[in-house]
Amino acid sequence: MKQSDRKMAALLIIVGVLILAAIGMLVGMQIGTSRRQQIEQAQAASASAESEAKAASDAAIAQSQADLAAASAQQESEAAKQAEEESAAALLAEQTKEANRENSEVLKGIAALGVPYVSAYADAVKNAQTISAETASSTASQSASTTGTNGHVVCIDAGHQTHVYDSNVEANGPGSDTMKLAVSSGTSGTATGMEEYELNLEVALQLQTELTARGYGVVMTRTTNDVQLTNIDRAEIANNSGAEIMVRIHANSSDDSSVKGALTYAPAADNPYLTPDLISSSTRLATDVINAFCTSTGAENRGILDANDLTGINWTKIPVTYVEMGFMSNAEEDLKMASADYQAQMVQGIANGIDAYFAGN
């Protein structure tokens, strides 16, 4: 190869290397530019995400503060409403106490006249001031029947009534600050649809007849469903009537429709409203009545429940018991209690229990 040809080849090689180097630099620059763009895009996306997250966080904080403010306002409103209701309840309770004190004096006057049957407390109070001398003479002539030929007097209270005033409250016991509904609606038969107050009165009137036949004097707190009697009213009727014991007729209910049987209530041993002697006598009365009731009817004997929260017991000044004859929530027992034959058995059982109580004195 000639010298000139070798020089030309070397020159071409150098030019080729330079071209390749230039191409490499261009490719590298392009790659670098693309990489920078990716980095910038990623940074921009990250900044946008952070901005959105911060905005969401700020919104959540603002909503939480708004919720807290609303909750606080709601609590303040409910507290104010509760305070208003408590104030109204306290005022109503005081008014009820005053009315009961006034009515008690009226009942004492009625009892002094020898009225043996107090059937409509509201009517008695309304008419007490207008009792004439002729009426006084007539009722005085009936006073001997109040005691009865066997020397004993029983007050029968048919529980509940047609009229219910849910806003009316009264003290759980003398001097108590605990307020309870003065009147409750009672239950009703799951199979018969009969109202408890109707059943209670049916049995109470039959018991009145049975006890009278056995020589007892009988005082009824009501002989109709259309009365307006609180639990304290019923207790005061018994307290001022001359009766020796009070038997309160009721029926039971349970969320479990399989539950059945009879029971009685008596004051607990630590009842703060009654004397130890009165608690003991009431417990004995409850025992005699439930045992005789279940013997007569064959009902399951659920025994005696003691309680300190029954206004009708806590205000009573003579031995007292509640008879829960059976469960109207149990279809079988509900149908039985509505039947004439079973009612007669229940009446015999309660009367036998009362006999047993006085025989034990």
Protein backbone atom coordinates (compact mmCIF):
# COMPACT_ATOMS: atom_id res chain seq x y z
CA MET A 1 0.00 0.00 0.00
CA LYS A 2 1.24 3.41 -0.86
CA GLN A 3 2.09 5.88 1.76
CA SER A 4 -0.70 8.16 0.62
CA ASP A 5 -3.26 5.36 0.84
CA ARG A 6 -2.20 4.53 4.41
CA LYS A 7 -2.61 8.14 5.41
CA MET A 8 -6.08 8.24 3.88
CA ALA A 9 -7.16 5.08 5.72
CA ALA A 10 -5.88 6.43 9.03
CA LEU A 11 -7.74 9.63 8.41
CA LEU A 12 -10.94 7.78 7.70
CA ILE A 13 -10.56 5.79 10.88
CA ILE A 14 -10.06 8.95 12.92
CA VAL A 15 -13.08 10.54 11.28
CA GLY A 16 -15.17 7.45 11.99
CA VAL A 17 -14.11 7.43 15.66
CA LEU A 18 -14.98 11.11 15.95
CA ILE A 19 -18.37 10.49 14.37
CA LEU A 20 -19.07 7.60 16.74
CA ALA A 21 -18.01 9.72 19.70
CA ALA A 22 -20.27 12.52 18.56
CA ILE A 23 -23.19 10.09 18.19
CA GLY A 24 -22.48 8.73 21.69
CA MET A 25 -22.49 12.19 23.14
CA LEU A 26 -25.76 13.00 21.43
CA VAL A 27 -27.39 9.77 22.67
CA GLY A 28 -26.09 10.42 26.20
CA MET A 29 -27.42 13.93 26.16
CA GLN A 30 -30.84 12.66 25.01
CA ILE A 31 -30.94 10.04 27.73
CA GLY A 32 -29.94 12.62 30.35
CA THR A 33 -32.64 14.99 29.19
CA SER A 34 -35.28 12.22 29.32
CA ARG A 35 -34.13 11.22 32.80
CA ARG A 36 -34.34 14.78 34.05
CA GLN A 37 -37.84 15.08 32.65
CA GLN A 38 -38.89 11.88 34.46
CA ILE A 39 -37.43 13.15 37.71
CA GLU A 40 -39.15 16.50 37.32
CA GLN A 41 -42.48 14.79 36.53
CA ALA A 42 -42.12 12.51 39.57
CA GLN A 43 -41.32 15.49 41.78
CA ALA A 44 -44.31 17.38 40.43
CA ALA A 45 -46.60 14.37 41.00
CA SER A 46 -45.26 13.97 44.54
CA ALA A 47 -45.82 17.65 45.28
CA SER A 48 -49.36 17.41 43.92
CA ALA A 49 -50.11 14.31 46.03
CA GLU A 50 -48.76 16.01 49.15
CA SER A 51 -50.88 19.05 48.42
CA GLU A 52 -54.02 16.94 47.97
CA ALA A 53 -53.25 14.93 51.15
CA LYS A 54 -52.79 18.14 53.14
CA ALA A 55 -56.04 19.55 51.78
CA ALA A 56 -57.87 16.33 52.70
CA SER A 57 -56.32 16.38 56.16
CA ASP A 58 -57.30 20.00 56.66
CA ALA A 59 -60.85 19.20 55.55
CA ALA A 60 -61.05 16.22 57.93
CA ILE A 61 -59.82 18.33 60.83
CA ALA A 62 -62.34 21.03 60.01
CA GLN A 63 -65.18 18.45 59.81
CA SER A 64 -64.09 16.86 63.11
CA GLN A 65 -64.13 20.25 64.79
CA ALA A 66 -67.57 20.95 63.33
CA ASP A 67 -68.83 17.56 64.55
CA LEU A 68 -67.45 18.20 68.03
CA ALA A 69 -69.10 21.60 68.11
CA ALA A 70 -72.43 20.09 66.99
CA ALA A 71 -72.16 17.28 69.57
CA SER A 72 -71.38 19.79 72.29
CA ALA A 73 -74.36 21.89 71.30
CA GLN A 74 -76.57 18.77 71.28
CA GLN A 75 -75.37 17.77 74.75
CA GLU A 76 -76.03 21.24 76.06
CA SER A 77 -79.51 21.16 74.54
CA GLU A 78 -80.27 17.72 76.02
CA ALA A 79 -78.92 18.77 79.41
CA ALA A 80 -81.14 21.85 79.37
CA LYS A 81 -84.13 19.74 78.34
CA GLN A 82 -83.41 17.18 81.07
CA ALA A 83 -83.08 19.92 83.67
CA GLU A 84 -86.41 21.36 82.53
CA GLU A 85 -88.09 17.94 82.70
CA GLU A 86 -86.64 17.24 86.15
CA SER A 87 -87.84 20.60 87.36
CA ALA A 88 -91.31 19.93 85.97
CA ALA A 89 -91.35 16.44 87.51
CA ALA A 90 -90.31 17.81 90.90
CA LEU A 91 -93.06 20.43 90.75
CA LEU A 92 -95.61 17.82 89.70
CA ALA A 93 -94.48 15.49 92.48
CA GLU A 94 -94.90 18.25 95.05
CA GLN A 95 -98.35 19.04 93.71
CA THR A 96 -99.24 15.33 93.82
CA LYS A 97 -98.06 15.05 97.42
CA GLU A 98 -100.19 18.04 98.39
CA ALA A 99 -103.21 16.60 96.60
CA ASN A 100 -102.69 13.25 98.30
CA ARG A 101 -102.53 14.93 101.71
CA GLU A 102 -105.80 16.74 101.00
CA ASN A 103 -107.44 13.59 99.64
CA SER A 104 -106.28 11.61 102.66
CA GLU A 105 -108.21 13.97 104.95
CA VAL A 106 -111.30 13.52 102.80
CA LEU A 107 -110.95 9.74 102.96
CA LYS A 108 -110.66 9.86 106.73
CA GLY A 109 -113.98 11.71 106.81
CA ILE A 110 -115.54 9.12 104.53
CA ALA A 111 -114.22 6.27 106.68
CA ALA A 112 -115.58 7.96 109.81
CA LEU A 113 -119.04 7.85 108.21
CA GLY A 114 -118.74 4.08 107.87
CA VAL A 115 -118.72 3.79 104.08
CA PRO A 116 -117.84 0.11 103.46
CA TYR A 117 -117.22 0.22 99.71
CA VAL A 118 -115.05 2.90 98.12
CA SER A 119 -115.60 2.25 94.43
CA ALA A 120 -114.69 5.52 92.73
CA TYR A 121 -112.12 7.53 94.58
CA ALA A 122 -112.44 10.60 92.38
CA ASP A 123 -116.22 10.70 92.82
CA ALA A 124 -115.89 10.17 96.56
CA VAL A 125 -113.52 13.12 96.86
CA LYS A 126 -115.75 15.30 94.70
CA ASN A 127 -118.90 14.44 96.64
CA ALA A 128 -117.43 14.21 100.13
CA GLN A 129 -118.13 17.86 100.93
CA THR A 130 -121.81 17.49 99.98
CA ILE A 131 -122.72 14.37 101.96
CA SER A 132 -126.05 15.16 103.59
CA ALA A 133 -127.23 14.30 107.10
CA GLU A 134 -129.58 11.77 105.55
CA THR A 135 -126.69 10.08 103.72
CA ALA A 136 -124.58 10.14 106.87
CA SER A 137 -127.34 8.39 108.78
CA SER A 138 -127.74 5.81 106.02
CA THR A 139 -124.02 5.05 105.75
CA ALA A 140 -123.65 4.89 109.52
CA SER A 141 -126.24 2.12 109.56
CA GLN A 142 -124.04 0.15 107.15
CA SER A 143 -120.93 0.42 109.27
CA ALA A 144 -121.58 -2.84 111.05
CA SER A 145 -121.29 -4.68 107.72
CA THR A 146 -117.82 -3.19 107.23
CA THR A 147 -116.43 -5.30 110.05
CA GLY A 148 -118.20 -8.46 108.96
CA THR A 149 -119.66 -11.30 110.97
CA ASN A 150 -116.26 -12.94 111.49
CA GLY A 151 -114.77 -9.73 112.89
CA HIS A 152 -112.29 -9.10 110.04
CA VAL A 153 -112.09 -6.51 107.25
CA VAL A 154 -110.19 -6.96 103.98
CA CYS A 155 -109.36 -4.32 101.37
CA ILE A 156 -109.30 -5.66 97.79
CA ASP A 157 -107.53 -3.62 95.13
CA ALA A 158 -108.13 -4.52 91.49
CA GLY A 159 -104.92 -3.32 89.86
CA HIS A 160 -104.77 -0.74 87.03
CA GLN A 161 -107.67 1.08 85.37
CA THR A 162 -108.93 2.49 82.07
CA HIS A 163 -107.39 5.95 82.46
CA VAL A 164 -103.61 6.29 82.30
CA TYR A 165 -101.68 9.53 82.65
CA ASP A 166 -98.03 8.83 81.85
CA SER A 167 -96.91 12.30 82.95
CA ASN A 168 -98.22 11.87 86.50
CA VAL A 169 -95.58 10.84 89.02
CA GLU A 170 -95.51 10.27 92.76
CA ALA A 171 -92.94 9.45 95.43
CA ASN A 172 -91.87 5.80 95.71
CA GLY A 173 -92.49 5.97 99.47
CA PRO A 174 -93.10 8.48 102.25
CA GLY A 175 -90.24 10.98 102.21
CA SER A 176 -88.62 9.44 99.12
CA ASP A 177 -86.99 11.58 96.44
CA THR A 178 -87.46 8.77 93.90
CA MET A 179 -90.35 9.53 91.57
CA LYS A 180 -92.36 6.82 89.81
CA LEU A 181 -95.33 6.80 87.47
CA ALA A 182 -98.47 7.16 89.54
CA VAL A 183 -100.54 5.09 87.12
CA SER A 184 -99.43 2.33 84.75
CA SER A 185 -101.34 0.67 81.94
CA GLY A 186 -100.89 -2.98 82.88
CA THR A 187 -100.64 -5.76 80.31
CA SER A 188 -103.11 -7.59 78.06
CA GLY A 189 -103.82 -11.15 77.02
CA THR A 190 -101.77 -12.52 74.15
CA ALA A 191 -104.55 -14.97 73.24
CA THR A 192 -107.71 -13.30 74.56
CA GLY A 193 -106.83 -9.65 73.99
CA MET A 194 -108.37 -8.92 77.40
CA GLU A 195 -106.91 -5.94 79.24
CA GLU A 196 -105.32 -6.71 82.59
CA TYR A 197 -107.45 -4.13 84.40
CA GLU A 198 -110.58 -5.95 83.14
CA LEU A 199 -109.38 -9.35 84.35
CA ASN A 200 -108.28 -7.91 87.69
CA LEU A 201 -111.69 -6.38 88.35
CA GLU A 202 -113.58 -9.54 87.32
CA VAL A 203 -111.63 -11.57 89.85
CA ALA A 204 -111.74 -8.84 92.52
CA LEU A 205 -115.55 -8.59 92.37
CA GLN A 206 -115.89 -12.37 92.66
CA LEU A 207 -113.46 -12.33 95.58
CA GLN A 208 -115.57 -9.63 97.24
CA THR A 209 -118.63 -11.89 96.96
CA GLU A 210 -116.74 -14.92 98.29
CA LEU A 211 -115.22 -13.10 101.26
CA THR A 212 -118.56 -11.52 102.15
CA ALA A 213 -120.11 -15.00 102.13
CA ARG A 214 -117.37 -16.13 104.50
CA GLY A 215 -118.24 -13.34 106.91
CA TYR A 216 -115.60 -10.74 106.05
CA GLY A 217 -116.17 -7.04 105.78
CA VAL A 218 -114.84 -5.95 102.38
CA VAL A 219 -113.56 -2.59 101.15
CA MET A 220 -113.04 -2.21 97.40
CA THR A 221 -110.69 0.43 96.01
CA ARG A 222 -112.73 0.30 92.82
CA THR A 223 -115.78 -1.53 91.42
CA THR A 224 -115.53 -0.08 87.92
CA ASN A 225 -112.72 0.37 85.39
CA ASP A 226 -113.57 4.03 84.86
CA VAL A 227 -111.65 5.54 87.80
CA GLN A 228 -108.69 7.85 88.34
CA LEU A 229 -106.60 6.25 91.09
CA THR A 230 -102.85 6.50 91.68
CA ASN A 231 -101.00 3.86 93.67
CA ILE A 232 -100.86 6.20 96.67
CA ASP A 233 -104.62 6.78 96.36
CA ARG A 234 -105.22 3.03 96.55
CA ALA A 235 -102.96 2.69 99.59
CA GLU A 236 -104.68 5.61 101.33
CA ILE A 237 -108.11 4.06 100.72
CA ALA A 238 -106.91 0.92 102.50
CA ASN A 239 -105.18 2.88 105.27
CA ASN A 240 -108.29 4.92 106.09
CA SER A 241 -110.93 2.23 105.58
CA GLY A 242 -110.51 0.20 108.75
CA ALA A 243 -109.30 -2.83 106.79
CA GLU A 244 -106.79 -5.13 108.48
CA ILE A 245 -105.05 -6.32 105.30
CA MET A 246 -104.84 -5.28 101.66
CA VAL A 247 -104.77 -7.79 98.78
CA ARG A 248 -103.89 -6.33 95.38
CA ILE A 249 -105.05 -8.35 92.36
CA HIS A 250 -102.79 -8.36 89.29
CA ALA A 251 -101.73 -10.47 86.30
CA ASN A 252 -98.20 -10.87 84.97
CA SER A 253 -96.37 -10.66 81.65
CA SER A 254 -93.01 -11.76 80.25
CA ASP A 255 -91.06 -11.41 76.99
CA ASP A 256 -90.75 -15.21 77.12
CA SER A 257 -94.17 -16.61 76.19
CA SER A 258 -93.34 -19.97 77.77
CA VAL A 259 -93.13 -18.50 81.29
CA LYS A 260 -96.17 -19.26 83.45
CA GLY A 261 -97.22 -19.61 87.06
CA ALA A 262 -98.36 -17.47 89.98
CA LEU A 263 -96.45 -15.45 92.55
CA THR A 264 -96.93 -12.84 95.23
CA TYR A 265 -95.00 -9.71 96.19
CA ALA A 266 -94.03 -8.66 99.69
CA PRO A 267 -91.82 -5.86 101.05
CA ALA A 268 -88.12 -6.75 101.36
CA ALA A 269 -86.69 -7.25 104.84
CA ASP A 270 -84.80 -3.95 104.58
CA ASN A 271 -87.76 -1.93 103.28
CA PRO A 272 -87.10 1.63 104.52
CA TYR A 273 -90.76 2.70 104.55
CA LEU A 274 -92.39 -0.04 106.65
CA THR A 275 -91.90 -1.25 110.21
CA PRO A 276 -90.36 -4.69 110.86
CA ASP A 277 -93.73 -5.96 112.17
CA LEU A 278 -95.52 -4.76 109.04
CA ILE A 279 -92.87 -6.35 106.80
CA SER A 280 -93.16 -9.65 108.67
CA SER A 281 -96.98 -9.65 108.53
CA SER A 282 -96.98 -8.79 104.83
CA THR A 283 -94.56 -11.62 104.09
CA ARG A 284 -96.75 -14.07 106.00
CA LEU A 285 -99.82 -12.86 104.12
CA ALA A 286 -97.98 -13.25 100.78
CA THR A 287 -96.90 -16.78 101.78
CA ASP A 288 -100.37 -17.93 102.85
CA VAL A 289 -102.02 -16.52 99.73
CA ILE A 290 -99.60 -17.93 97.14
CA ASN A 291 -99.58 -21.40 98.72
CA ALA A 292 -103.38 -21.58 98.90
CA PHE A 293 -103.75 -20.10 95.41
CA CYS A 294 -101.51 -22.71 93.80
CA THR A 295 -103.13 -25.54 95.76
CA SER A 296 -106.56 -24.46 94.50
CA THR A 297 -105.60 -23.80 90.87
CA GLY A 298 -102.72 -26.20 90.27
CA ALA A 299 -100.68 -23.28 88.94
CA GLU A 300 -96.90 -23.38 89.13
CA ASN A 301 -95.84 -21.80 92.42
CA ARG A 302 -93.21 -19.18 91.62
CA GLY A 303 -93.02 -18.15 95.28
CA ILE A 304 -92.66 -14.69 96.80
CA LEU A 305 -90.73 -11.78 95.34
CA ASP A 306 -89.61 -9.07 97.75
CA ALA A 307 -89.38 -5.48 96.60
CA ASN A 308 -88.73 -1.97 97.84
CA ASP A 309 -89.80 -0.19 94.65
CA LEU A 310 -93.56 -0.85 94.66
CA THR A 311 -95.36 2.36 95.59
CA GLY A 312 -98.55 0.46 96.40
CA ILE A 313 -96.69 -1.45 99.11
CA ASN A 314 -94.49 1.34 100.43
CA TRP A 315 -97.40 3.68 101.22
CA THR A 316 -99.60 1.02 102.84
CA LYS A 317 -99.87 0.99 106.64
CA ILE A 318 -101.47 -2.45 106.93
CA PRO A 319 -100.16 -5.87 105.82
CA VAL A 320 -100.24 -5.98 102.04
CA THR A 321 -99.44 -8.31 99.15
CA TYR A 322 -99.69 -8.31 95.37
CA VAL A 323 -101.13 -11.49 93.82
CA GLU A 324 -99.80 -12.07 90.29
CA MET A 325 -102.38 -14.67 89.21
CA GLY A 326 -100.59 -15.82 86.06
CA PHE A 327 -98.92 -14.68 82.85
CA MET A 328 -101.18 -13.11 80.23
CA SER A 329 -98.19 -13.40 77.86
CA ASN A 330 -98.59 -17.19 78.01
CA ALA A 331 -101.45 -18.13 75.69
CA GLU A 332 -102.50 -21.20 77.69
CA GLU A 333 -102.53 -19.38 81.01
CA ASP A 334 -104.18 -16.31 79.49
CA LEU A 335 -107.10 -18.43 78.23
CA LYS A 336 -107.42 -20.18 81.60
CA MET A 337 -107.56 -16.93 83.57
CA ALA A 338 -110.32 -15.65 81.27
CA SER A 339 -112.48 -18.72 81.89
CA ALA A 340 -115.21 -18.74 84.57
CA ASP A 341 -114.15 -22.10 86.04
CA TYR A 342 -110.52 -21.05 86.53
CA GLN A 343 -111.52 -17.67 87.90
CA ALA A 344 -113.61 -19.47 90.51
CA GLN A 345 -110.57 -21.58 91.44
CA MET A 346 -108.39 -18.46 91.72
CA VAL A 347 -110.96 -16.76 93.95
CA GLN A 348 -111.19 -19.81 96.20
CA GLY A 349 -107.40 -19.94 96.46
CA ILE A 350 -107.02 -16.27 97.42
CA ALA A 351 -109.88 -16.52 99.94
CA ASN A 352 -108.35 -19.67 101.44
CA GLY A 353 -105.05 -17.85 101.81
CA ILE A 354 -106.76 -14.96 103.61
CA ASP A 355 -108.45 -17.50 105.92
CA ALA A 356 -105.07 -19.08 106.63
CA TYR A 357 -103.55 -15.69 107.44
CA PHE A 358 -106.18 -14.78 110.01
CA ALA A 359 -106.16 -18.31 111.43
CA GLY A 360 -102.44 -17.85 112.09
CA ASN A 361 -102.88 -14.60 114.04
